[in-house]
PDB file of all heavy atoms in Angstrom:
ATOM      1  N   LYS A   1     -80.195  55.704 194.976  1.00  0.00           N
ATOM      2  CA  LYS A   1     -80.903  56.644 194.137  1.00  0.00           C
ATOM      3  C   LYS A   1     -81.541  55.912 193.003  1.00  0.00           C
ATOM      4  O   LYS A   1     -81.028  54.950 192.552  1.00  0.00           O
ATOM      5  CB  LYS A   1     -79.931  57.766 193.639  1.00  0.00           C
ATOM      6  CG  LYS A   1     -79.405  58.558 194.777  1.00  0.00           C
ATOM      7  CD  LYS A   1     -78.436  59.559 194.282  1.00  0.00           C
ATOM      8  CE  LYS A   1     -77.885  60.376 195.567  1.00  0.00           C
ATOM      9  NZ  LYS A   1     -76.624  61.204 195.264  1.00  0.00           N
ATOM     10  N   GLU A   2     -82.722  56.460 192.537  1.00  0.00           N
ATOM     11  CA  GLU A   2     -83.341  55.806 191.432  1.00  0.00           C
ATOM     12  C   GLU A   2     -83.397  56.782 190.281  1.00  0.00           C
ATOM     13  O   GLU A   2     -82.510  56.829 189.400  1.00  0.00           O
ATOM     14  CB  GLU A   2     -84.759  55.252 191.799  1.00  0.00           C
ATOM     15  CG  GLU A   2     -85.358  54.336 190.803  1.00  0.00           C
ATOM     16  CD  GLU A   2     -86.499  53.493 191.270  1.00  0.00           C
ATOM     17  OE1 GLU A   2     -86.906  53.618 192.429  1.00  0.00           O
ATOM     18  OE2 GLU A   2     -87.025  52.763 190.500  1.00  0.00           O
ATOM     19  N   LEU A   3     -84.488  57.508 190.169  1.00  0.00           N
ATOM     20  CA  LEU A   3     -84.661  58.342 188.940  1.00  0.00           C
ATOM     21  C   LEU A   3     -84.130  59.768 189.176  1.00  0.00           C
ATOM     22  O   LEU A   3     -83.668  60.472 188.242  1.00  0.00           O
ATOM     23  CB  LEU A   3     -86.120  58.435 188.619  1.00  0.00           C
ATOM     24  CG  LEU A   3     -86.796  57.045 188.249  1.00  0.00           C
ATOM     25  CD1 LEU A   3     -88.292  57.269 188.033  1.00  0.00           C
ATOM     26  CD2 LEU A   3     -86.123  56.464 187.052  1.00  0.00           C
ATOM     27  N   ASP A   4     -84.140  60.206 190.406  1.00  0.00           N
ATOM     28  CA  ASP A   4     -83.638  61.619 190.681  1.00  0.00           C
ATOM     29  C   ASP A   4     -82.296  61.577 191.300  1.00  0.00           C
ATOM     30  O   ASP A   4     -82.158  61.084 192.456  1.00  0.00           O
ATOM     31  CB  ASP A   4     -84.701  62.258 191.662  1.00  0.00           C
ATOM     32  CG  ASP A   4     -84.365  63.711 192.022  1.00  0.00           C
ATOM     33  OD1 ASP A   4     -83.196  64.173 191.641  1.00  0.00           O
ATOM     34  OD2 ASP A   4     -85.230  64.289 192.629  1.00  0.00           O
ATOM     35  N   PRO A   5     -81.265  62.029 190.662  1.00  0.00           N
ATOM     36  CA  PRO A   5     -79.930  61.989 191.201  1.00  0.00           C
ATOM     37  C   PRO A   5     -79.735  62.880 192.562  1.00  0.00           C
ATOM     38  O   PRO A   5     -78.864  62.572 193.332  1.00  0.00           O
ATOM     39  CB  PRO A   5     -79.039  62.623 190.056  1.00  0.00           C
ATOM     40  CG  PRO A   5     -79.842  62.648 188.906  1.00  0.00           C
ATOM     41  CD  PRO A   5     -81.312  62.606 189.311  1.00  0.00           C
ATOM     42  N   GLY A   6     -80.714  63.708 192.802  1.00  0.00           N
ATOM     43  CA  GLY A   6     -80.614  64.517 193.918  1.00  0.00           C
ATOM     44  C   GLY A   6     -81.483  63.914 195.246  1.00  0.00           C
ATOM     45  O   GLY A   6     -81.453  64.492 196.229  1.00  0.00           O
ATOM     46  N   ALA A   7     -82.184  62.790 194.958  1.00  0.00           N
ATOM     47  CA  ALA A   7     -82.951  62.320 196.019  1.00  0.00           C
ATOM     48  C   ALA A   7     -82.624  60.886 196.308  1.00  0.00           C
ATOM     49  O   ALA A   7     -82.538  60.003 195.521  1.00  0.00           O
ATOM     50  CB  ALA A   7     -84.366  62.357 195.546  1.00  0.00           C
ATOM     51  N   SER A   8     -82.351  60.643 197.654  1.00  0.00           N
ATOM     52  CA  SER A   8     -82.040  59.311 198.112  1.00  0.00           C
ATOM     53  C   SER A   8     -83.291  58.527 198.409  1.00  0.00           C
ATOM     54  O   SER A   8     -84.227  59.203 198.917  1.00  0.00           O
ATOM     55  CB  SER A   8     -81.047  59.328 199.311  1.00  0.00           C
ATOM     56  OG  SER A   8     -79.822  59.896 198.859  1.00  0.00           O
ATOM     57  N   THR A   9     -83.304  57.258 198.413  1.00  0.00           N
ATOM     58  CA  THR A   9     -84.368  56.423 198.824  1.00  0.00           C
ATOM     59  C   THR A   9     -83.823  55.138 199.364  1.00  0.00           C
ATOM     60  O   THR A   9     -82.509  54.959 199.438  1.00  0.00           O
ATOM     61  CB  THR A   9     -85.298  56.148 197.560  1.00  0.00           C
ATOM     62  OG1 THR A   9     -86.479  55.549 197.982  1.00  0.00           O
ATOM     63  CG2 THR A   9     -84.580  55.341 196.497  1.00  0.00           C
ATOM     64  N   GLN A  10     -84.623  54.244 199.734  1.00  0.00           N
ATOM     65  CA  GLN A  10     -84.247  52.960 200.227  1.00  0.00           C
ATOM     66  C   GLN A  10     -85.070  51.932 199.408  1.00  0.00           C
ATOM     67  O   GLN A  10     -86.172  52.185 198.974  1.00  0.00           O
ATOM     68  CB  GLN A  10     -84.439  52.771 201.672  1.00  0.00           C
ATOM     69  CG  GLN A  10     -83.465  53.651 202.358  1.00  0.00           C
ATOM     70  CD  GLN A  10     -83.827  53.678 203.948  1.00  0.00           C
ATOM     71  OE1 GLN A  10     -84.832  53.232 204.389  1.00  0.00           O
ATOM     72  NE2 GLN A  10     -82.978  54.244 204.712  1.00  0.00           N
ATOM     73  N   LEU A  11     -84.571  50.710 199.234  1.00  0.00           N
ATOM     74  CA  LEU A  11     -85.271  49.677 198.561  1.00  0.00           C
ATOM     75  C   LEU A  11     -86.486  49.283 199.440  1.00  0.00           C
ATOM     76  O   LEU A  11     -86.465  49.155 200.574  1.00  0.00           O
ATOM     77  CB  LEU A  11     -84.452  48.400 198.417  1.00  0.00           C
ATOM     78  CG  LEU A  11     -83.087  48.535 197.575  1.00  0.00           C
ATOM     79  CD1 LEU A  11     -82.474  47.260 197.373  1.00  0.00           C
ATOM     80  CD2 LEU A  11     -83.298  49.241 196.327  1.00  0.00           C
ATOM     81  N   THR A  12     -87.629  49.116 198.674  1.00  0.00           N
ATOM     82  CA  THR A  12     -88.901  48.701 199.307  1.00  0.00           C
ATOM     83  C   THR A  12     -88.965  47.213 199.217  1.00  0.00           C
ATOM     84  O   THR A  12     -89.232  46.682 198.212  1.00  0.00           O
ATOM     85  CB  THR A  12     -90.103  49.258 198.555  1.00  0.00           C
ATOM     86  OG1 THR A  12     -89.907  50.689 198.531  1.00  0.00           O
ATOM     87  CG2 THR A  12     -91.397  48.984 199.307  1.00  0.00           C
ATOM     88  N   LEU A  13     -88.748  46.528 200.369  1.00  0.00           N
ATOM     89  CA  LEU A  13     -88.629  45.101 200.416  1.00  0.00           C
ATOM     90  C   LEU A  13     -89.712  44.442 201.183  1.00  0.00           C
ATOM     91  O   LEU A  13     -89.651  44.043 202.356  1.00  0.00           O
ATOM     92  CB  LEU A  13     -87.208  44.611 200.972  1.00  0.00           C
ATOM     93  CG  LEU A  13     -86.045  45.125 200.243  1.00  0.00           C
ATOM     94  CD1 LEU A  13     -84.701  44.723 200.843  1.00  0.00           C
ATOM     95  CD2 LEU A  13     -86.024  44.536 198.793  1.00  0.00           C
ATOM     96  N   THR A  14     -90.826  44.438 200.540  1.00  0.00           N
ATOM     97  CA  THR A  14     -91.990  43.699 200.982  1.00  0.00           C
ATOM     98  C   THR A  14     -92.413  42.569 200.027  1.00  0.00           C
ATOM     99  O   THR A  14     -92.231  42.745 198.791  1.00  0.00           O
ATOM    100  CB  THR A  14     -93.224  44.597 201.252  1.00  0.00           C
ATOM    101  OG1 THR A  14     -93.578  45.222 200.005  1.00  0.00           O
ATOM    102  CG2 THR A  14     -92.919  45.682 202.205  1.00  0.00           C
ATOM    103  N   GLY A  15     -92.777  41.488 200.574  1.00  0.00           N
ATOM    104  CA  GLY A  15     -93.080  40.300 199.683  1.00  0.00           C
ATOM    105  C   GLY A  15     -91.792  39.797 199.140  1.00  0.00           C
ATOM    106  O   GLY A  15     -90.664  39.972 199.607  1.00  0.00           O
ATOM    107  N   LYS A  16     -91.892  39.077 197.997  1.00  0.00           N
ATOM    108  CA  LYS A  16     -90.769  38.497 197.257  1.00  0.00           C
ATOM    109  C   LYS A  16     -90.048  39.556 196.407  1.00  0.00           C
ATOM    110  O   LYS A  16     -90.803  40.325 195.731  1.00  0.00           O
ATOM    111  CB  LYS A  16     -91.067  37.340 196.320  1.00  0.00           C
ATOM    112  CG  LYS A  16     -91.369  35.996 196.958  1.00  0.00           C
ATOM    113  CD  LYS A  16     -91.552  34.951 195.966  1.00  0.00           C
ATOM    114  CE  LYS A  16     -92.803  34.133 196.087  1.00  0.00           C
ATOM    115  NZ  LYS A  16     -92.986  33.139 195.082  1.00  0.00           N
ATOM    116  N   ASN A  17     -88.721  39.595 196.422  1.00  0.00           N
ATOM    117  CA  ASN A  17     -87.959  40.512 195.650  1.00  0.00           C
ATOM    118  C   ASN A  17     -86.790  39.849 195.002  1.00  0.00           C
ATOM    119  O   ASN A  17     -86.242  38.939 195.539  1.00  0.00           O
ATOM    120  CB  ASN A  17     -87.503  41.758 196.503  1.00  0.00           C
ATOM    121  CG  ASN A  17     -88.599  42.451 197.220  1.00  0.00           C
ATOM    122  OD1 ASN A  17     -89.257  43.343 196.517  1.00  0.00           O
ATOM    123  ND2 ASN A  17     -88.927  42.067 198.468  1.00  0.00           N
ATOM    124  N   ILE A  18     -86.336  40.533 193.967  1.00  0.00           N
ATOM    125  CA  ILE A  18     -85.102  40.077 193.298  1.00  0.00           C
ATOM    126  C   ILE A  18     -84.192  41.300 193.263  1.00  0.00           C
ATOM    127  O   ILE A  18     -84.665  42.393 192.798  1.00  0.00           O
ATOM    128  CB  ILE A  18     -85.344  39.532 191.885  1.00  0.00           C
ATOM    129  CG1 ILE A  18     -86.471  38.560 191.738  1.00  0.00           C
ATOM    130  CG2 ILE A  18     -83.980  39.048 191.211  1.00  0.00           C
ATOM    131  CD1 ILE A  18     -86.254  37.245 192.428  1.00  0.00           C
ATOM    132  N   ILE A  19     -82.939  41.115 193.683  1.00  0.00           N
ATOM    133  CA  ILE A  19     -81.935  42.242 193.680  1.00  0.00           C
ATOM    134  C   ILE A  19     -80.727  41.710 192.751  1.00  0.00           C
ATOM    135  O   ILE A  19     -80.249  40.690 193.183  1.00  0.00           O
ATOM    136  CB  ILE A  19     -81.432  42.573 195.067  1.00  0.00           C
ATOM    137  CG1 ILE A  19     -82.619  42.973 195.967  1.00  0.00           C
ATOM    138  CG2 ILE A  19     -80.389  43.719 194.892  1.00  0.00           C
ATOM    139  CD1 ILE A  19     -82.230  43.197 197.432  1.00  0.00           C
ATOM    140  N   ILE A  20     -80.550  42.391 191.716  1.00  0.00           N
ATOM    141  CA  ILE A  20     -79.489  41.951 190.787  1.00  0.00           C
ATOM    142  C   ILE A  20     -78.444  42.943 190.807  1.00  0.00           C
ATOM    143  O   ILE A  20     -78.684  44.176 190.691  1.00  0.00           O
ATOM    144  CB  ILE A  20     -79.996  41.828 189.325  1.00  0.00           C
ATOM    145  CG1 ILE A  20     -81.188  40.865 189.227  1.00  0.00           C
ATOM    146  CG2 ILE A  20     -78.826  41.299 188.405  1.00  0.00           C
ATOM    147  CD1 ILE A  20     -82.448  41.569 188.781  1.00  0.00           C
ATOM    148  N   GLY A  21     -77.162  42.576 191.115  1.00  0.00           N
ATOM    149  CA  GLY A  21     -76.062  43.437 191.006  1.00  0.00           C
ATOM    150  C   GLY A  21     -75.269  43.269 189.798  1.00  0.00           C
ATOM    151  O   GLY A  21     -75.067  42.106 189.334  1.00  0.00           O
ATOM    152  N   VAL A  22     -74.846  44.325 189.205  1.00  0.00           N
ATOM    153  CA  VAL A  22     -74.066  44.255 187.996  1.00  0.00           C
ATOM    154  C   VAL A  22     -72.840  45.074 188.059  1.00  0.00           C
ATOM    155  O   VAL A  22     -72.829  46.162 188.726  1.00  0.00           O
ATOM    156  CB  VAL A  22     -74.945  44.752 186.697  1.00  0.00           C
ATOM    157  CG1 VAL A  22     -76.028  43.786 186.529  1.00  0.00           C
ATOM    158  CG2 VAL A  22     -75.364  46.182 186.881  1.00  0.00           C
ATOM    159  N   PRO A  23     -71.770  44.776 187.335  1.00  0.00           N
ATOM    160  CA  PRO A  23     -70.522  45.566 187.457  1.00  0.00           C
ATOM    161  C   PRO A  23     -70.572  46.950 186.896  1.00  0.00           C
ATOM    162  O   PRO A  23     -70.011  47.897 187.343  1.00  0.00           O
ATOM    163  CB  PRO A  23     -69.493  44.698 186.653  1.00  0.00           C
ATOM    164  CG  PRO A  23     -69.995  43.336 186.805  1.00  0.00           C
ATOM    165  CD  PRO A  23     -71.530  43.466 186.750  1.00  0.00           C
ATOM    166  N   GLY A  24     -71.307  47.099 185.787  1.00  0.00           N
ATOM    167  CA  GLY A  24     -71.481  48.408 185.223  1.00  0.00           C
ATOM    168  C   GLY A  24     -72.556  48.633 184.088  1.00  0.00           C
ATOM    169  O   GLY A  24     -72.561  47.742 183.248  1.00  0.00           O
ATOM    170  N   ALA A  25     -73.308  49.665 184.257  1.00  0.00           N
ATOM    171  CA  ALA A  25     -74.259  49.974 183.244  1.00  0.00           C
ATOM    172  C   ALA A  25     -73.629  50.138 181.943  1.00  0.00           C
ATOM    173  O   ALA A  25     -72.463  50.656 181.823  1.00  0.00           O
ATOM    174  CB  ALA A  25     -75.033  51.241 183.617  1.00  0.00           C
ATOM    175  N   PHE A  26     -74.252  49.737 180.816  1.00  0.00           N
ATOM    176  CA  PHE A  26     -73.751  49.945 179.471  1.00  0.00           C
ATOM    177  C   PHE A  26     -72.599  49.030 179.137  1.00  0.00           C
ATOM    178  O   PHE A  26     -72.153  49.093 177.923  1.00  0.00           O
ATOM    179  CB  PHE A  26     -73.529  51.361 179.183  1.00  0.00           C
ATOM    180  CG  PHE A  26     -74.620  52.324 179.091  1.00  0.00           C
ATOM    181  CD1 PHE A  26     -74.949  53.251 180.159  1.00  0.00           C
ATOM    182  CD2 PHE A  26     -75.477  52.290 177.963  1.00  0.00           C
ATOM    183  CE1 PHE A  26     -76.007  54.001 180.099  1.00  0.00           C
ATOM    184  CE2 PHE A  26     -76.584  53.141 177.908  1.00  0.00           C
ATOM    185  CZ  PHE A  26     -76.826  53.991 178.891  1.00  0.00           C
ATOM    186  N   THR A  27     -72.136  48.192 180.056  1.00  0.00           N
ATOM    187  CA  THR A  27     -71.016  47.276 179.609  1.00  0.00           C
ATOM    188  C   THR A  27     -71.735  46.097 178.831  1.00  0.00           C
ATOM    189  O   THR A  27     -72.816  45.786 179.004  1.00  0.00           O
ATOM    190  CB  THR A  27     -70.299  46.718 180.825  1.00  0.00           C
ATOM    191  OG1 THR A  27     -71.194  45.957 181.675  1.00  0.00           O
ATOM    192  CG2 THR A  27     -69.654  47.859 181.641  1.00  0.00           C
ATOM    193  N   THR A  28     -70.926  45.494 177.902  1.00  0.00           N
ATOM    194  CA  THR A  28     -71.401  44.465 177.100  1.00  0.00           C
ATOM    195  C   THR A  28     -72.122  43.352 177.783  1.00  0.00           C
ATOM    196  O   THR A  28     -73.164  42.940 177.476  1.00  0.00           O
ATOM    197  CB  THR A  28     -70.334  43.945 176.153  1.00  0.00           C
ATOM    198  OG1 THR A  28     -69.794  45.102 175.389  1.00  0.00           O
ATOM    199  CG2 THR A  28     -70.814  42.842 175.131  1.00  0.00           C
ATOM    200  N   PRO A  29     -71.378  42.735 178.812  1.00  0.00           N
ATOM    201  CA  PRO A  29     -72.009  41.563 179.607  1.00  0.00           C
ATOM    202  C   PRO A  29     -73.354  42.098 180.278  1.00  0.00           C
ATOM    203  O   PRO A  29     -74.326  41.392 180.324  1.00  0.00           O
ATOM    204  CB  PRO A  29     -70.931  41.174 180.574  1.00  0.00           C
ATOM    205  CG  PRO A  29     -69.759  41.630 180.014  1.00  0.00           C
ATOM    206  CD  PRO A  29     -70.023  42.927 179.298  1.00  0.00           C
ATOM    207  N   CYS A  30     -73.423  43.279 180.738  1.00  0.00           N
ATOM    208  CA  CYS A  30     -74.595  43.740 181.602  1.00  0.00           C
ATOM    209  C   CYS A  30     -75.635  44.005 180.632  1.00  0.00           C
ATOM    210  O   CYS A  30     -76.874  43.796 180.873  1.00  0.00           O
ATOM    211  CB  CYS A  30     -74.181  44.934 182.407  1.00  0.00           C
ATOM    212  SG  CYS A  30     -73.028  44.545 183.702  1.00  0.00           S
ATOM    213  N   ASN A  31     -75.302  44.552 179.427  1.00  0.00           N
ATOM    214  CA  ASN A  31     -76.275  44.769 178.419  1.00  0.00           C
ATOM    215  C   ASN A  31     -76.942  43.475 177.868  1.00  0.00           C
ATOM    216  O   ASN A  31     -78.050  43.528 177.431  1.00  0.00           O
ATOM    217  CB  ASN A  31     -75.736  45.590 177.176  1.00  0.00           C
ATOM    218  CG  ASN A  31     -75.577  46.972 177.356  1.00  0.00           C
ATOM    219  OD1 ASN A  31     -76.065  47.608 178.345  1.00  0.00           O
ATOM    220  ND2 ASN A  31     -74.691  47.596 176.631  1.00  0.00           N
ATOM    221  N   ALA A  32     -76.200  42.402 178.085  1.00  0.00           N
ATOM    222  CA  ALA A  32     -76.822  41.123 177.636  1.00  0.00           C
ATOM    223  C   ALA A  32     -77.538  40.418 178.817  1.00  0.00           C
ATOM    224  O   ALA A  32     -78.480  39.622 178.559  1.00  0.00           O
ATOM    225  CB  ALA A  32     -75.668  40.171 177.142  1.00  0.00           C
ATOM    226  N   HIS A  33     -77.155  40.769 180.017  1.00  0.00           N
ATOM    227  CA  HIS A  33     -77.715  40.135 181.283  1.00  0.00           C
ATOM    228  C   HIS A  33     -79.093  40.676 181.537  1.00  0.00           C
ATOM    229  O   HIS A  33     -80.065  39.813 181.728  1.00  0.00           O
ATOM    230  CB  HIS A  33     -76.793  40.449 182.335  1.00  0.00           C
ATOM    231  CG  HIS A  33     -77.163  39.872 183.700  1.00  0.00           C
ATOM    232  ND1 HIS A  33     -76.501  40.293 184.906  1.00  0.00           N
ATOM    233  CD2 HIS A  33     -78.025  38.759 184.043  1.00  0.00           C
ATOM    234  CE1 HIS A  33     -77.067  39.557 185.865  1.00  0.00           C
ATOM    235  NE2 HIS A  33     -77.916  38.629 185.393  1.00  0.00           N
ATOM    236  N   ILE A  34     -79.296  41.933 181.664  1.00  0.00           N
ATOM    237  CA  ILE A  34     -80.488  42.578 182.211  1.00  0.00           C
ATOM    238  C   ILE A  34     -81.812  42.395 181.199  1.00  0.00           C
ATOM    239  O   ILE A  34     -82.868  42.326 181.802  1.00  0.00           O
ATOM    240  CB  ILE A  34     -80.250  43.995 182.594  1.00  0.00           C
ATOM    241  CG1 ILE A  34     -79.096  44.027 183.689  1.00  0.00           C
ATOM    242  CG2 ILE A  34     -81.492  44.744 183.076  1.00  0.00           C
ATOM    243  CD1 ILE A  34     -79.490  43.150 184.900  1.00  0.00           C
ATOM    244  N   PRO A  35     -81.607  42.421 180.005  1.00  0.00           N
ATOM    245  CA  PRO A  35     -82.766  42.263 179.147  1.00  0.00           C
ATOM    246  C   PRO A  35     -83.663  40.991 179.475  1.00  0.00           C
ATOM    247  O   PRO A  35     -84.885  41.022 179.256  1.00  0.00           O
ATOM    248  CB  PRO A  35     -82.320  42.220 177.731  1.00  0.00           C
ATOM    249  CG  PRO A  35     -81.105  43.128 177.799  1.00  0.00           C
ATOM    250  CD  PRO A  35     -80.502  42.673 179.109  1.00  0.00           C
ATOM    251  N   GLY A  36     -83.057  39.960 180.015  1.00  0.00           N
ATOM    252  CA  GLY A  36     -83.748  38.814 180.313  1.00  0.00           C
ATOM    253  C   GLY A  36     -84.723  39.048 181.428  1.00  0.00           C
ATOM    254  O   GLY A  36     -85.944  38.621 181.464  1.00  0.00           O
ATOM    255  N   TYR A  37     -84.341  39.916 182.450  1.00  0.00           N
ATOM    256  CA  TYR A  37     -85.304  40.316 183.513  1.00  0.00           C
ATOM    257  C   TYR A  37     -86.386  41.292 183.009  1.00  0.00           C
ATOM    258  O   TYR A  37     -87.496  41.127 183.444  1.00  0.00           O
ATOM    259  CB  TYR A  37     -84.533  40.985 184.648  1.00  0.00           C
ATOM    260  CG  TYR A  37     -83.716  40.026 185.421  1.00  0.00           C
ATOM    261  CD1 TYR A  37     -82.347  39.758 185.097  1.00  0.00           C
ATOM    262  CD2 TYR A  37     -84.275  39.359 186.539  1.00  0.00           C
ATOM    263  CE1 TYR A  37     -81.597  38.946 185.817  1.00  0.00           C
ATOM    264  CE2 TYR A  37     -83.479  38.352 187.176  1.00  0.00           C
ATOM    265  CZ  TYR A  37     -82.166  38.131 186.908  1.00  0.00           C
ATOM    266  OH  TYR A  37     -81.446  37.256 187.537  1.00  0.00           O
TER     267      TYR A  37
END
């Protein structure tokens, strides 16, 4: 899911993509990690 909690989607993987996995939104390390992207 992306913006709509009621709608499922799939990642659109054409061309080059980056997929970043994080342990948890709003956690201190994740809040420091993602602003770089």
